């Protein structure tokens, strides 16, 4: 009688899949860290709130606190987040990619850091 539990053996395919999943998780973690380092959650929420207030003020005819440049920068920030997520998917699919290298990630658009700093 054997004491080996063969149901717990890992095949090379199992190990390869574990490596893929570990790489994907690492890339996602780096992506999240990079986004939140440049565009903190609090700033994201405050900007969305300011846009909502802006839309309401425009509808009722009050003077808006945000100008068209602010709105354009807020949209650029959202597009940057989407670009970061797209880069994340590309890097996650390439097991040889190093998510810590700068080259695979898009730069924050010009002017967006100033908007974020205000919020």
N, C-alpha and C. Protein backbone atom coordinates (compact mmCIF):
# COMPACT_ATOMS: atom_id res chain seq x y z
N UNK A 1 0.83 -1.17 0.00
CA UNK A 1 0.00 0.00 0.00
C UNK A 1 0.89 1.25 0.00
N UNK A 2 0.55 2.22 -0.82
CA UNK A 2 1.35 3.42 -0.98
C UNK A 2 0.80 4.57 -0.13
N UNK A 3 1.70 5.38 0.38
CA UNK A 3 1.31 6.57 1.14
C UNK A 3 1.29 7.82 0.28
N UNK A 4 1.45 7.65 -0.99
CA UNK A 4 1.48 8.78 -1.91
C UNK A 4 0.06 9.10 -2.36
N UNK A 5 -0.30 10.36 -2.21
CA UNK A 5 -1.61 10.83 -2.68
C UNK A 5 -1.43 11.39 -4.08
N UNK A 6 -1.70 10.59 -5.09
CA UNK A 6 -1.47 10.99 -6.47
C UNK A 6 -2.41 12.11 -6.93
N UNK A 7 -3.48 12.34 -6.20
CA UNK A 7 -4.39 13.42 -6.58
C UNK A 7 -3.77 14.80 -6.33
N UNK A 8 -2.69 14.86 -5.57
CA UNK A 8 -2.04 16.13 -5.26
C UNK A 8 -0.82 16.41 -6.14
N UNK A 9 -0.53 15.52 -7.06
CA UNK A 9 0.60 15.73 -7.96
C UNK A 9 0.29 16.85 -8.94
N UNK A 10 1.29 17.65 -9.24
CA UNK A 10 1.13 18.73 -10.19
C UNK A 10 1.81 18.36 -11.50
N UNK A 11 1.10 18.57 -12.58
CA UNK A 11 1.68 18.32 -13.89
C UNK A 11 2.43 19.57 -14.34
N UNK A 12 3.19 19.43 -15.41
CA UNK A 12 3.89 20.59 -15.96
C UNK A 12 2.90 21.63 -16.44
N UNK A 13 1.74 21.17 -16.92
CA UNK A 13 0.69 22.11 -17.34
C UNK A 13 0.15 22.88 -16.14
N UNK A 14 -0.03 22.19 -15.01
CA UNK A 14 -0.48 22.86 -13.79
C UNK A 14 0.52 23.93 -13.37
N UNK A 15 1.79 23.58 -13.40
CA UNK A 15 2.83 24.53 -13.00
C UNK A 15 2.90 25.72 -13.95
N UNK A 16 2.74 25.45 -15.23
CA UNK A 16 2.74 26.53 -16.22
C UNK A 16 1.55 27.47 -15.99
N UNK A 17 0.38 26.92 -15.71
CA UNK A 17 -0.80 27.73 -15.45
C UNK A 17 -0.62 28.56 -14.18
N UNK A 18 0.00 27.98 -13.17
CA UNK A 18 0.28 28.73 -11.94
C UNK A 18 1.21 29.90 -12.22
N UNK A 19 2.19 29.68 -13.09
CA UNK A 19 3.12 30.76 -13.45
C UNK A 19 2.39 31.87 -14.19
N UNK A 20 1.49 31.50 -15.10
CA UNK A 20 0.70 32.49 -15.84
C UNK A 20 -0.16 33.30 -14.88
N UNK A 21 -0.84 32.61 -13.98
CA UNK A 21 -1.72 33.31 -13.02
C UNK A 21 -0.91 34.21 -12.09
N UNK A 22 0.24 33.76 -11.66
CA UNK A 22 1.09 34.58 -10.79
C UNK A 22 1.58 35.83 -11.52
N UNK A 23 1.95 35.66 -12.80
CA UNK A 23 2.40 36.80 -13.60
C UNK A 23 1.26 37.81 -13.78
N UNK A 24 0.08 37.32 -14.12
CA UNK A 24 -1.07 38.21 -14.30
C UNK A 24 -1.37 38.97 -13.01
N UNK A 25 -1.35 38.29 -11.90
CA UNK A 25 -1.62 38.93 -10.62
C UNK A 25 -0.57 40.00 -10.30
N UNK A 26 0.68 39.70 -10.61
CA UNK A 26 1.75 40.67 -10.36
C UNK A 26 1.59 41.91 -11.23
N UNK A 27 1.26 41.70 -12.51
CA UNK A 27 1.07 42.83 -13.43
C UNK A 27 -0.11 43.68 -12.97
N UNK A 28 -1.22 43.05 -12.60
CA UNK A 28 -2.38 43.79 -12.13
C UNK A 28 -2.06 44.61 -10.88
N UNK A 29 -1.29 44.03 -9.98
CA UNK A 29 -0.92 44.73 -8.76
C UNK A 29 -0.06 45.96 -9.07
N UNK A 30 0.88 45.81 -10.00
CA UNK A 30 1.73 46.93 -10.38
C UNK A 30 0.89 48.00 -11.07
N UNK A 31 -0.03 47.60 -11.92
CA UNK A 31 -0.90 48.56 -12.61
C UNK A 31 -1.72 49.36 -11.60
N UNK A 32 -2.33 48.67 -10.68
CA UNK A 32 -3.14 49.35 -9.65
C UNK A 32 -2.28 50.31 -8.84
N UNK A 33 -1.09 49.86 -8.46
CA UNK A 33 -0.19 50.70 -7.68
C UNK A 33 0.20 51.95 -8.47
N UNK A 34 0.49 51.79 -9.76
CA UNK A 34 0.89 52.92 -10.59
C UNK A 34 -0.27 53.92 -10.76
N UNK A 35 -1.47 53.41 -10.98
CA UNK A 35 -2.63 54.31 -11.14
C UNK A 35 -2.86 55.08 -9.85
N UNK A 36 -2.92 54.39 -8.73
CA UNK A 36 -3.24 55.05 -7.47
C UNK A 36 -2.12 55.98 -7.00
N UNK A 37 -0.88 55.71 -7.41
CA UNK A 37 0.22 56.60 -7.06
C UNK A 37 0.09 57.95 -7.76
N UNK A 38 -0.41 57.93 -8.98
CA UNK A 38 -0.54 59.17 -9.76
C UNK A 38 -1.93 59.79 -9.66
N UNK A 39 -2.94 58.96 -9.43
CA UNK A 39 -4.33 59.41 -9.45
C UNK A 39 -5.06 58.73 -8.29
N UNK A 40 -4.83 59.23 -7.07
CA UNK A 40 -5.41 58.59 -5.88
C UNK A 40 -6.93 58.49 -5.95
N UNK A 41 -7.44 57.49 -5.29
CA UNK A 41 -8.88 57.24 -5.29
C UNK A 41 -9.67 58.46 -4.81
N UNK A 42 -9.16 59.14 -3.80
CA UNK A 42 -9.85 60.33 -3.28
C UNK A 42 -9.97 61.40 -4.36
N UNK A 43 -8.89 61.60 -5.11
CA UNK A 43 -8.93 62.59 -6.19
C UNK A 43 -9.90 62.16 -7.28
N UNK A 44 -9.92 60.86 -7.61
CA UNK A 44 -10.86 60.37 -8.60
C UNK A 44 -12.29 60.67 -8.18
N UNK A 45 -12.60 60.37 -6.92
CA UNK A 45 -13.96 60.59 -6.42
C UNK A 45 -14.30 62.09 -6.39
N UNK A 46 -13.36 62.91 -5.95
CA UNK A 46 -13.62 64.35 -5.87
C UNK A 46 -13.81 64.97 -7.25
N UNK A 47 -13.05 64.51 -8.22
CA UNK A 47 -13.19 65.04 -9.58
C UNK A 47 -14.54 64.63 -10.17
N UNK A 48 -14.93 63.37 -9.99
CA UNK A 48 -16.23 62.93 -10.48
C UNK A 48 -17.35 63.73 -9.81
N UNK A 49 -17.23 63.97 -8.52
CA UNK A 49 -18.23 64.77 -7.80
C UNK A 49 -18.27 66.19 -8.34
N UNK A 50 -17.12 66.77 -8.59
CA UNK A 50 -17.07 68.14 -9.12
C UNK A 50 -17.72 68.20 -10.50
N UNK A 51 -17.51 67.18 -11.31
CA UNK A 51 -18.14 67.16 -12.64
C UNK A 51 -19.65 67.03 -12.49
N UNK A 52 -20.09 66.19 -11.57
CA UNK A 52 -21.54 66.04 -11.36
C UNK A 52 -22.15 67.37 -10.92
N UNK A 53 -21.50 68.06 -10.00
CA UNK A 53 -21.98 69.37 -9.56
C UNK A 53 -21.97 70.35 -10.72
N UNK A 54 -20.92 70.31 -11.52
CA UNK A 54 -20.83 71.18 -12.70
C UNK A 54 -22.01 70.96 -13.64
N UNK A 55 -22.31 69.70 -13.91
CA UNK A 55 -23.43 69.39 -14.81
C UNK A 55 -24.74 69.92 -14.23
N UNK A 56 -24.94 69.73 -12.94
CA UNK A 56 -26.16 70.22 -12.30
C UNK A 56 -26.23 71.75 -12.34
N UNK A 57 -25.10 72.41 -12.10
CA UNK A 57 -25.08 73.87 -12.13
C UNK A 57 -25.39 74.39 -13.53
N UNK A 58 -24.85 73.75 -14.54
CA UNK A 58 -25.12 74.17 -15.91
C UNK A 58 -26.61 74.01 -16.21
N UNK A 59 -27.21 72.92 -15.73
CA UNK A 59 -28.63 72.68 -15.98
C UNK A 59 -29.52 73.73 -15.33
N UNK A 60 -29.14 74.20 -14.15
CA UNK A 60 -29.98 75.19 -13.46
C UNK A 60 -29.54 76.61 -13.73
N UNK A 61 -28.48 76.79 -14.51
CA UNK A 61 -28.06 78.11 -14.94
C UNK A 61 -27.13 78.83 -13.99
N UNK A 62 -26.59 78.16 -13.00
CA UNK A 62 -25.63 78.80 -12.09
C UNK A 62 -24.24 78.79 -12.71
N UNK A 63 -23.36 79.65 -12.18
CA UNK A 63 -21.98 79.67 -12.65
C UNK A 63 -21.28 78.37 -12.23
N UNK A 64 -20.60 77.78 -13.15
CA UNK A 64 -19.93 76.51 -12.88
C UNK A 64 -18.55 76.75 -12.26
N UNK A 65 -18.12 75.83 -11.38
CA UNK A 65 -16.80 75.94 -10.76
C UNK A 65 -15.71 75.33 -11.63
N UNK A 66 -16.08 74.47 -12.55
CA UNK A 66 -15.11 73.87 -13.46
C UNK A 66 -15.24 74.53 -14.82
N UNK A 67 -14.11 74.71 -15.47
CA UNK A 67 -14.18 75.25 -16.83
C UNK A 67 -13.97 74.11 -17.84
N UNK A 68 -14.03 74.45 -19.09
CA UNK A 68 -13.94 73.42 -20.13
C UNK A 68 -12.58 72.73 -20.13
N UNK A 69 -11.53 73.44 -19.75
CA UNK A 69 -10.21 72.82 -19.67
C UNK A 69 -10.17 71.77 -18.56
N UNK A 70 -10.81 72.08 -17.41
CA UNK A 70 -10.88 71.11 -16.32
C UNK A 70 -11.60 69.84 -16.76
N UNK A 71 -12.71 70.02 -17.47
CA UNK A 71 -13.47 68.87 -17.94
C UNK A 71 -12.62 68.05 -18.91
N UNK A 72 -11.92 68.71 -19.81
CA UNK A 72 -11.06 68.01 -20.77
C UNK A 72 -9.94 67.25 -20.05
N UNK A 73 -9.37 67.85 -19.02
CA UNK A 73 -8.32 67.17 -18.25
C UNK A 73 -8.88 65.97 -17.49
N UNK A 74 -10.09 66.11 -16.95
CA UNK A 74 -10.73 64.99 -16.25
C UNK A 74 -10.97 63.83 -17.21
N UNK A 75 -11.41 64.15 -18.42
CA UNK A 75 -11.60 63.10 -19.42
C UNK A 75 -10.26 62.47 -19.82
N UNK A 76 -9.22 63.29 -19.92
CA UNK A 76 -7.89 62.76 -20.24
C UNK A 76 -7.41 61.83 -19.13
N UNK A 77 -7.72 62.16 -17.89
CA UNK A 77 -7.34 61.31 -16.76
C UNK A 77 -8.05 59.96 -16.86
N UNK A 78 -9.32 59.98 -17.20
CA UNK A 78 -10.07 58.72 -17.35
C UNK A 78 -9.54 57.90 -18.52
N UNK A 79 -9.18 58.57 -19.60
CA UNK A 79 -8.60 57.87 -20.75
C UNK A 79 -7.25 57.26 -20.37
N UNK A 80 -6.48 57.97 -19.53
CA UNK A 80 -5.20 57.44 -19.08
C UNK A 80 -5.40 56.17 -18.27
N UNK A 81 -6.42 56.16 -17.39
CA UNK A 81 -6.71 54.95 -16.61
C UNK A 81 -7.06 53.81 -17.57
N UNK A 82 -7.87 54.08 -18.57
CA UNK A 82 -8.22 53.05 -19.55
C UNK A 82 -6.98 52.58 -20.31
N UNK A 83 -6.09 53.50 -20.65
CA UNK A 83 -4.84 53.14 -21.33
C UNK A 83 -3.95 52.29 -20.42
N UNK A 84 -3.93 52.61 -19.14
CA UNK A 84 -3.16 51.82 -18.17
C UNK A 84 -3.73 50.40 -18.10
N UNK A 85 -5.05 50.29 -18.08
CA UNK A 85 -5.68 48.96 -18.03
C UNK A 85 -5.38 48.17 -19.30
N UNK A 86 -5.37 48.84 -20.44
CA UNK A 86 -5.03 48.17 -21.70
C UNK A 86 -3.58 47.70 -21.68
N UNK A 87 -2.68 48.54 -21.18
CA UNK A 87 -1.27 48.15 -21.07
C UNK A 87 -1.12 46.98 -20.11
N UNK A 88 -1.92 46.98 -19.06
CA UNK A 88 -1.91 45.87 -18.10
C UNK A 88 -2.25 44.56 -18.79
N UNK A 89 -3.28 44.58 -19.62
CA UNK A 89 -3.68 43.36 -20.32
C UNK A 89 -2.57 42.87 -21.26
N UNK A 90 -1.91 43.80 -21.94
CA UNK A 90 -0.82 43.43 -22.85
C UNK A 90 0.35 42.82 -22.07
N UNK A 91 0.74 43.48 -20.98
CA UNK A 91 1.86 42.98 -20.18
C UNK A 91 1.52 41.65 -19.50
N UNK A 92 0.27 41.50 -19.09
CA UNK A 92 -0.15 40.26 -18.43
C UNK A 92 -0.12 39.08 -19.39
N UNK A 93 -0.34 39.34 -20.67
CA UNK A 93 -0.35 38.27 -21.67
C UNK A 93 1.05 37.83 -22.08
N UNK A 94 2.06 38.65 -21.76
CA UNK A 94 3.44 38.36 -22.14
C UNK A 94 4.23 37.95 -20.89
N UNK A 95 4.47 36.66 -20.75
CA UNK A 95 5.16 36.16 -19.56
C UNK A 95 6.59 36.70 -19.42
N UNK A 96 7.18 37.15 -20.51
CA UNK A 96 8.53 37.68 -20.43
C UNK A 96 8.55 39.17 -20.07
N UNK A 97 7.38 39.80 -20.03
CA UNK A 97 7.30 41.24 -19.74
C UNK A 97 7.56 41.50 -18.26
N UNK A 98 8.29 42.56 -18.01
CA UNK A 98 8.56 42.99 -16.64
C UNK A 98 7.69 44.20 -16.35
N UNK A 99 6.67 44.05 -15.49
CA UNK A 99 5.76 45.17 -15.23
C UNK A 99 6.43 46.33 -14.49
N UNK A 100 7.63 46.13 -13.98
CA UNK A 100 8.32 47.20 -13.27
C UNK A 100 9.09 48.12 -14.21
N UNK A 101 9.23 47.70 -15.47
CA UNK A 101 9.90 48.56 -16.46
C UNK A 101 8.96 49.69 -16.87
N UNK A 102 9.50 50.87 -17.03
CA UNK A 102 8.70 52.05 -17.36
C UNK A 102 8.12 52.01 -18.76
N UNK A 103 8.82 51.40 -19.71
CA UNK A 103 8.44 51.48 -21.11
C UNK A 103 7.08 50.94 -21.48
N UNK A 104 6.54 50.03 -20.72
CA UNK A 104 5.27 49.43 -21.07
C UNK A 104 4.05 50.20 -20.59
N UNK A 105 4.27 51.26 -19.84
CA UNK A 105 3.15 51.99 -19.25
C UNK A 105 3.01 53.38 -19.87
N UNK A 106 1.78 53.83 -20.12
CA UNK A 106 1.59 55.17 -20.70
C UNK A 106 1.87 56.27 -19.68
N UNK A 107 2.31 57.40 -20.18
CA UNK A 107 2.56 58.56 -19.32
C UNK A 107 1.24 59.26 -19.00
N UNK A 108 1.20 59.88 -17.85
CA UNK A 108 0.06 60.70 -17.47
C UNK A 108 0.02 61.91 -18.40
N UNK A 109 -1.13 62.21 -19.00
CA UNK A 109 -1.19 63.34 -19.94
C UNK A 109 -0.80 64.66 -19.27
N UNK A 110 -0.24 65.53 -20.07
CA UNK A 110 0.18 66.84 -19.58
C UNK A 110 -1.01 67.61 -19.00
N UNK A 111 -0.81 68.20 -17.87
CA UNK A 111 -1.84 69.01 -17.23
C UNK A 111 -2.72 68.24 -16.24
N UNK A 112 -2.78 66.93 -16.39
CA UNK A 112 -3.64 66.12 -15.53
C UNK A 112 -3.14 66.13 -14.09
N UNK A 113 -1.83 66.09 -13.89
CA UNK A 113 -1.29 66.10 -12.53
C UNK A 113 -1.71 67.37 -11.79
N UNK A 114 -1.78 68.48 -12.49
CA UNK A 114 -2.23 69.73 -11.87
C UNK A 114 -3.68 69.67 -11.43
N UNK A 115 -4.51 69.08 -12.26
CA UNK A 115 -5.91 68.91 -11.91
C UNK A 115 -6.05 67.99 -10.70
N UNK A 116 -5.33 66.89 -10.73
CA UNK A 116 -5.38 65.94 -9.62
C UNK A 116 -4.94 66.61 -8.32
N UNK A 117 -3.90 67.41 -8.39
CA UNK A 117 -3.39 68.10 -7.19
C UNK A 117 -4.43 69.03 -6.57
N UNK A 118 -5.28 69.58 -7.40
CA UNK A 118 -6.34 70.49 -6.90
C UNK A 118 -7.42 69.73 -6.14
N UNK A 119 -7.55 68.42 -6.41
CA UNK A 119 -8.62 67.64 -5.80
C UNK A 119 -8.09 66.66 -4.81
